[in-house]
Amino acid sequence: MANNKKTLDAVIADAERLAQVWSENTKFSMGDVTLEGLRAEITKLHQLKQSRDETRTRLSKLVDDTNDEMKLVEGYNTRGRSGMKAIFGPDSAQYAQVGGTRQSEHKSRSSKKPKT
């Protein structure tokens, strides 16, 4: 089954063609919809599209700025955890408090039995 969804630009282009042909054929009517009403709705749709595009641009910048700041703070977290480990030791409570896994809490490796 074909997807019949149209893009915003396609809908605007179709509406502008309709308005153009309608303006050249004044006997045409669509009940309660007037040519001026159609043109007003086309203008409103243009304005909404512009607002949407500007908002997407601002959102994209906000997402990028947030991700950059997150990476910076994540780097501080890593440096701080490493500093705690270096100063207080890998089995210290301070290292565990900043999110490190204490050395005594690591699982020991099980030795593999040789195949016979």
N, C-alpha and C. Protein backbone atom coordinates (compact mmCIF):
# COMPACT_ATOMS: atom_id res chain seq x y z
N MET A 1 0.84 -1.17 0.00
CA MET A 1 0.00 0.00 0.00
C MET A 1 0.89 1.24 0.00
N ALA A 2 0.61 2.19 -0.86
CA ALA A 2 1.43 3.39 -1.00
C ALA A 2 1.14 4.37 0.14
N ASN A 3 2.17 5.09 0.53
CA ASN A 3 2.04 6.10 1.57
C ASN A 3 1.63 7.42 0.89
N ASN A 4 0.44 7.93 1.20
CA ASN A 4 -0.07 9.13 0.55
C ASN A 4 0.15 10.39 1.37
N LYS A 5 1.01 10.35 2.37
CA LYS A 5 1.28 11.54 3.17
C LYS A 5 2.07 12.54 2.34
N LYS A 6 1.64 13.77 2.37
CA LYS A 6 2.33 14.82 1.63
C LYS A 6 3.19 15.63 2.59
N THR A 7 4.23 16.22 2.05
CA THR A 7 5.07 17.10 2.86
C THR A 7 4.40 18.45 3.00
N LEU A 8 4.84 19.22 3.95
CA LEU A 8 4.31 20.55 4.17
C LEU A 8 4.52 21.42 2.93
N ASP A 9 5.72 21.33 2.35
CA ASP A 9 6.01 22.13 1.15
C ASP A 9 5.09 21.75 -0.01
N ALA A 10 4.77 20.46 -0.14
CA ALA A 10 3.88 20.01 -1.21
C ALA A 10 2.47 20.53 -0.99
N VAL A 11 2.00 20.54 0.26
CA VAL A 11 0.66 21.04 0.56
C VAL A 11 0.59 22.54 0.27
N ILE A 12 1.63 23.28 0.65
CA ILE A 12 1.66 24.72 0.37
C ILE A 12 1.67 24.97 -1.13
N ALA A 13 2.49 24.24 -1.86
CA ALA A 13 2.55 24.42 -3.30
C ALA A 13 1.21 24.12 -3.96
N ASP A 14 0.55 23.05 -3.53
CA ASP A 14 -0.78 22.72 -4.07
C ASP A 14 -1.78 23.83 -3.76
N ALA A 15 -1.76 24.35 -2.55
CA ALA A 15 -2.69 25.41 -2.16
C ALA A 15 -2.44 26.69 -2.96
N GLU A 16 -1.17 27.00 -3.18
CA GLU A 16 -0.85 28.20 -3.97
C GLU A 16 -1.31 28.03 -5.42
N ARG A 17 -1.18 26.82 -5.98
CA ARG A 17 -1.69 26.57 -7.34
C ARG A 17 -3.20 26.71 -7.37
N LEU A 18 -3.86 26.17 -6.35
CA LEU A 18 -5.32 26.28 -6.27
C LEU A 18 -5.73 27.74 -6.23
N ALA A 19 -5.07 28.53 -5.40
CA ALA A 19 -5.40 29.95 -5.28
C ALA A 19 -5.17 30.68 -6.60
N GLN A 20 -4.10 30.34 -7.29
CA GLN A 20 -3.79 30.98 -8.57
C GLN A 20 -4.88 30.68 -9.61
N VAL A 21 -5.23 29.41 -9.75
CA VAL A 21 -6.25 29.02 -10.72
C VAL A 21 -7.60 29.60 -10.32
N TRP A 22 -7.90 29.59 -9.02
CA TRP A 22 -9.16 30.12 -8.54
C TRP A 22 -9.27 31.61 -8.87
N SER A 23 -8.16 32.35 -8.68
CA SER A 23 -8.19 33.79 -8.95
C SER A 23 -8.44 34.08 -10.43
N GLU A 24 -8.07 33.16 -11.30
CA GLU A 24 -8.28 33.34 -12.74
C GLU A 24 -9.67 32.86 -13.16
N ASN A 25 -10.36 32.16 -12.28
CA ASN A 25 -11.69 31.62 -12.59
C ASN A 25 -12.64 32.01 -11.47
N THR A 26 -13.14 33.23 -11.53
CA THR A 26 -13.93 33.82 -10.44
C THR A 26 -15.27 33.13 -10.22
N LYS A 27 -15.74 32.33 -11.17
CA LYS A 27 -17.01 31.63 -11.00
C LYS A 27 -16.88 30.40 -10.10
N PHE A 28 -15.64 29.97 -9.85
CA PHE A 28 -15.40 28.80 -9.00
C PHE A 28 -15.76 29.15 -7.56
N SER A 29 -16.31 28.19 -6.82
CA SER A 29 -16.57 28.39 -5.40
C SER A 29 -16.44 27.06 -4.66
N MET A 30 -16.17 27.18 -3.35
CA MET A 30 -16.05 25.99 -2.51
C MET A 30 -16.90 26.17 -1.26
N GLY A 31 -18.15 26.51 -1.45
CA GLY A 31 -19.06 26.65 -0.32
C GLY A 31 -18.66 27.79 0.59
N ASP A 32 -18.35 27.46 1.85
CA ASP A 32 -18.03 28.50 2.84
C ASP A 32 -16.57 28.96 2.78
N VAL A 33 -15.75 28.35 1.92
CA VAL A 33 -14.35 28.76 1.79
C VAL A 33 -14.25 29.79 0.67
N THR A 34 -13.66 30.95 1.02
CA THR A 34 -13.47 31.99 0.01
C THR A 34 -12.02 31.99 -0.44
N LEU A 35 -11.76 32.64 -1.56
CA LEU A 35 -10.38 32.77 -2.05
C LEU A 35 -9.53 33.52 -1.03
N GLU A 36 -10.09 34.58 -0.47
CA GLU A 36 -9.35 35.35 0.54
C GLU A 36 -9.09 34.50 1.79
N GLY A 37 -10.07 33.68 2.15
CA GLY A 37 -9.89 32.78 3.30
C GLY A 37 -8.80 31.77 3.05
N LEU A 38 -8.76 31.22 1.83
CA LEU A 38 -7.71 30.27 1.46
C LEU A 38 -6.35 30.94 1.52
N ARG A 39 -6.25 32.14 0.96
CA ARG A 39 -4.96 32.86 0.99
C ARG A 39 -4.52 33.16 2.42
N ALA A 40 -5.47 33.48 3.28
CA ALA A 40 -5.13 33.73 4.69
C ALA A 40 -4.61 32.46 5.37
N GLU A 41 -5.22 31.32 5.06
CA GLU A 41 -4.76 30.05 5.63
C GLU A 41 -3.38 29.67 5.09
N ILE A 42 -3.12 29.97 3.82
CA ILE A 42 -1.80 29.70 3.24
C ILE A 42 -0.75 30.56 3.94
N THR A 43 -1.07 31.83 4.18
CA THR A 43 -0.15 32.73 4.88
C THR A 43 0.12 32.22 6.30
N LYS A 44 -0.94 31.80 6.97
CA LYS A 44 -0.79 31.26 8.32
C LYS A 44 0.10 30.01 8.32
N LEU A 45 -0.09 29.15 7.32
CA LEU A 45 0.72 27.93 7.23
C LEU A 45 2.19 28.27 6.97
N HIS A 46 2.45 29.29 6.12
CA HIS A 46 3.83 29.75 5.89
C HIS A 46 4.46 30.23 7.20
N GLN A 47 3.71 30.99 7.98
CA GLN A 47 4.23 31.52 9.24
C GLN A 47 4.50 30.41 10.25
N LEU A 48 3.59 29.44 10.31
CA LEU A 48 3.81 28.30 11.21
C LEU A 48 5.04 27.50 10.80
N LYS A 49 5.22 27.31 9.51
CA LYS A 49 6.39 26.58 9.00
C LYS A 49 7.67 27.31 9.38
N GLN A 50 7.67 28.63 9.20
CA GLN A 50 8.86 29.41 9.55
C GLN A 50 9.15 29.32 11.04
N SER A 51 8.12 29.44 11.85
CA SER A 51 8.29 29.34 13.31
C SER A 51 8.80 27.96 13.69
N ARG A 52 8.25 26.92 13.08
CA ARG A 52 8.68 25.55 13.35
C ARG A 52 10.16 25.37 13.00
N ASP A 53 10.56 25.88 11.83
CA ASP A 53 11.95 25.73 11.40
C ASP A 53 12.91 26.47 12.32
N GLU A 54 12.51 27.68 12.76
CA GLU A 54 13.35 28.43 13.69
C GLU A 54 13.47 27.72 15.03
N THR A 55 12.37 27.14 15.49
CA THR A 55 12.38 26.40 16.75
C THR A 55 13.26 25.16 16.65
N ARG A 56 13.19 24.46 15.53
CA ARG A 56 14.06 23.29 15.34
C ARG A 56 15.53 23.69 15.38
N THR A 57 15.86 24.83 14.78
CA THR A 57 17.25 25.29 14.79
C THR A 57 17.70 25.60 16.22
N ARG A 58 16.84 26.29 16.98
CA ARG A 58 17.18 26.59 18.38
C ARG A 58 17.31 25.31 19.20
N LEU A 59 16.40 24.37 18.97
CA LEU A 59 16.45 23.10 19.70
C LEU A 59 17.72 22.33 19.37
N SER A 60 18.10 22.32 18.11
CA SER A 60 19.32 21.63 17.70
C SER A 60 20.54 22.21 18.41
N LYS A 61 20.61 23.54 18.49
CA LYS A 61 21.72 24.19 19.18
C LYS A 61 21.69 23.86 20.66
N LEU A 62 20.50 23.86 21.26
CA LEU A 62 20.37 23.54 22.68
C LEU A 62 20.81 22.11 22.96
N VAL A 63 20.46 21.18 22.10
CA VAL A 63 20.88 19.78 22.26
C VAL A 63 22.40 19.69 22.15
N ASP A 64 22.98 20.36 21.16
CA ASP A 64 24.44 20.34 21.01
C ASP A 64 25.14 20.95 22.22
N ASP A 65 24.65 22.09 22.70
CA ASP A 65 25.25 22.73 23.88
C ASP A 65 25.14 21.83 25.11
N THR A 66 24.00 21.18 25.28
CA THR A 66 23.80 20.27 26.41
C THR A 66 24.76 19.10 26.34
N ASN A 67 24.90 18.52 25.15
CA ASN A 67 25.81 17.38 24.98
C ASN A 67 27.26 17.79 25.24
N ASP A 68 27.66 18.97 24.78
CA ASP A 68 29.02 19.46 25.03
C ASP A 68 29.27 19.64 26.52
N GLU A 69 28.30 20.22 27.22
CA GLU A 69 28.45 20.44 28.66
C GLU A 69 28.48 19.11 29.41
N MET A 70 27.66 18.15 28.97
CA MET A 70 27.64 16.84 29.59
C MET A 70 29.02 16.16 29.46
N LYS A 71 29.63 16.27 28.28
CA LYS A 71 30.96 15.67 28.09
C LYS A 71 31.99 16.32 28.99
N LEU A 72 31.91 17.65 29.16
CA LEU A 72 32.84 18.36 30.02
C LEU A 72 32.70 17.88 31.47
N VAL A 73 31.46 17.84 31.97
CA VAL A 73 31.22 17.42 33.35
C VAL A 73 31.58 15.94 33.53
N GLU A 74 31.30 15.13 32.52
CA GLU A 74 31.67 13.72 32.59
C GLU A 74 33.19 13.56 32.71
N GLY A 75 33.93 14.41 32.02
CA GLY A 75 35.39 14.40 32.14
C GLY A 75 35.84 14.76 33.54
N TYR A 76 35.16 15.75 34.14
CA TYR A 76 35.47 16.12 35.53
C TYR A 76 35.18 14.96 36.47
N ASN A 77 34.07 14.27 36.23
CA ASN A 77 33.74 13.11 37.08
C ASN A 77 34.83 12.05 37.00
N THR A 78 35.29 11.77 35.79
CA THR A 78 36.34 10.75 35.60
C THR A 78 37.63 11.19 36.28
N ARG A 79 38.00 12.46 36.08
CA ARG A 79 39.23 12.96 36.72
C ARG A 79 39.12 12.91 38.23
N GLY A 80 37.95 13.31 38.75
CA GLY A 80 37.75 13.32 40.20
C GLY A 80 37.80 11.91 40.78
N ARG A 81 37.17 10.97 40.10
CA ARG A 81 37.19 9.58 40.56
C ARG A 81 38.62 9.05 40.55
N SER A 82 39.35 9.35 39.47
CA SER A 82 40.75 8.91 39.40
C SER A 82 41.60 9.55 40.50
N GLY A 83 41.33 10.83 40.79
CA GLY A 83 42.06 11.52 41.86
C GLY A 83 41.77 10.91 43.22
N MET A 84 40.51 10.58 43.49
CA MET A 84 40.15 9.94 44.75
C MET A 84 40.86 8.59 44.88
N LYS A 85 40.90 7.86 43.76
CA LYS A 85 41.57 6.55 43.78
C LYS A 85 43.06 6.72 44.03
N ALA A 86 43.68 7.74 43.42
CA ALA A 86 45.12 7.96 43.57
C ALA A 86 45.47 8.43 44.98
N ILE A 87 44.66 9.30 45.55
CA ILE A 87 44.99 9.88 46.85
C ILE A 87 44.58 8.97 48.00
N PHE A 88 43.37 8.41 47.93
CA PHE A 88 42.85 7.63 49.05
C PHE A 88 43.00 6.12 48.87
N GLY A 89 43.28 5.70 47.65
CA GLY A 89 43.50 4.27 47.40
C GLY A 89 42.30 3.62 46.72
N PRO A 90 42.58 2.52 45.99
CA PRO A 90 41.52 1.86 45.23
C PRO A 90 40.51 1.10 46.09
N ASP A 91 40.77 0.95 47.38
CA ASP A 91 39.84 0.25 48.27
C ASP A 91 39.24 1.19 49.31
N SER A 92 39.33 2.51 49.04
CA SER A 92 38.88 3.48 50.04
C SER A 92 37.38 3.75 49.94
N ALA A 93 36.83 4.21 51.07
CA ALA A 93 35.42 4.59 51.09
C ALA A 93 35.19 5.81 50.21
N GLN A 94 36.14 6.73 50.18
CA GLN A 94 36.00 7.94 49.36
C GLN A 94 35.89 7.58 47.87
N TYR A 95 36.70 6.63 47.44
CA TYR A 95 36.64 6.20 46.04
C TYR A 95 35.28 5.57 45.73
N ALA A 96 34.75 4.80 46.65
CA ALA A 96 33.43 4.19 46.46
C ALA A 96 32.33 5.25 46.48
N GLN A 97 32.49 6.29 47.32
CA GLN A 97 31.47 7.33 47.43
C GLN A 97 31.32 8.14 46.14
N VAL A 98 32.38 8.24 45.35
CA VAL A 98 32.30 8.99 44.08
C VAL A 98 31.99 8.07 42.91
N GLY A 99 31.61 6.83 43.20
CA GLY A 99 31.15 5.94 42.13
C GLY A 99 32.13 4.88 41.69
N GLY A 100 33.29 4.81 42.29
CA GLY A 100 34.26 3.76 41.95
C GLY A 100 33.90 2.45 42.62
N THR A 101 34.40 1.38 42.08
CA THR A 101 34.19 0.07 42.68
C THR A 101 35.43 -0.27 43.50
N ARG A 102 35.22 -0.46 44.78
CA ARG A 102 36.36 -0.76 45.67
C ARG A 102 37.03 -2.05 45.23
N GLN A 103 38.33 -2.08 45.39
CA GLN A 103 39.12 -3.23 44.96
C GLN A 103 38.66 -4.50 45.65
N SER A 104 38.27 -4.37 46.90
CA SER A 104 37.83 -5.56 47.65
C SER A 104 36.47 -6.07 47.16
N GLU A 105 35.74 -5.26 46.40
CA GLU A 105 34.43 -5.67 45.89
C GLU A 105 34.50 -6.29 44.49
N HIS A 106 35.69 -6.23 43.89
CA HIS A 106 35.85 -6.84 42.57
C HIS A 106 35.75 -8.36 42.70
N LYS A 107 35.13 -8.98 41.73
CA LYS A 107 35.07 -10.44 41.74
C LYS A 107 36.44 -10.97 41.36
N SER A 108 36.84 -11.99 42.05
CA SER A 108 38.11 -12.60 41.70
C SER A 108 37.91 -13.46 40.46
N ARG A 109 38.95 -13.55 39.69
CA ARG A 109 38.87 -14.36 38.47
C ARG A 109 38.97 -15.83 38.86
N SER A 110 38.13 -16.59 38.24
CA SER A 110 38.21 -18.02 38.51
C SER A 110 39.25 -18.61 37.56
N SER A 111 40.07 -19.47 38.13
CA SER A 111 41.11 -20.06 37.28
C SER A 111 40.49 -21.14 36.40
N LYS A 112 40.95 -21.20 35.17
CA LYS A 112 40.44 -22.19 34.25
C LYS A 112 41.15 -23.52 34.52
N LYS A 113 40.38 -24.53 34.49
CA LYS A 113 40.96 -25.85 34.68
C LYS A 113 41.52 -26.33 33.34
N PRO A 114 42.71 -26.88 33.38
CA PRO A 114 43.29 -27.34 32.12
C PRO A 114 42.48 -28.51 31.56
N LYS A 115 42.36 -28.54 30.26
CA LYS A 115 41.64 -29.62 29.62
C LYS A 115 42.50 -30.89 29.64
N THR A 116 41.88 -31.97 29.90
CA THR A 116 42.61 -33.24 29.91
C THR A 116 42.15 -34.15 28.81
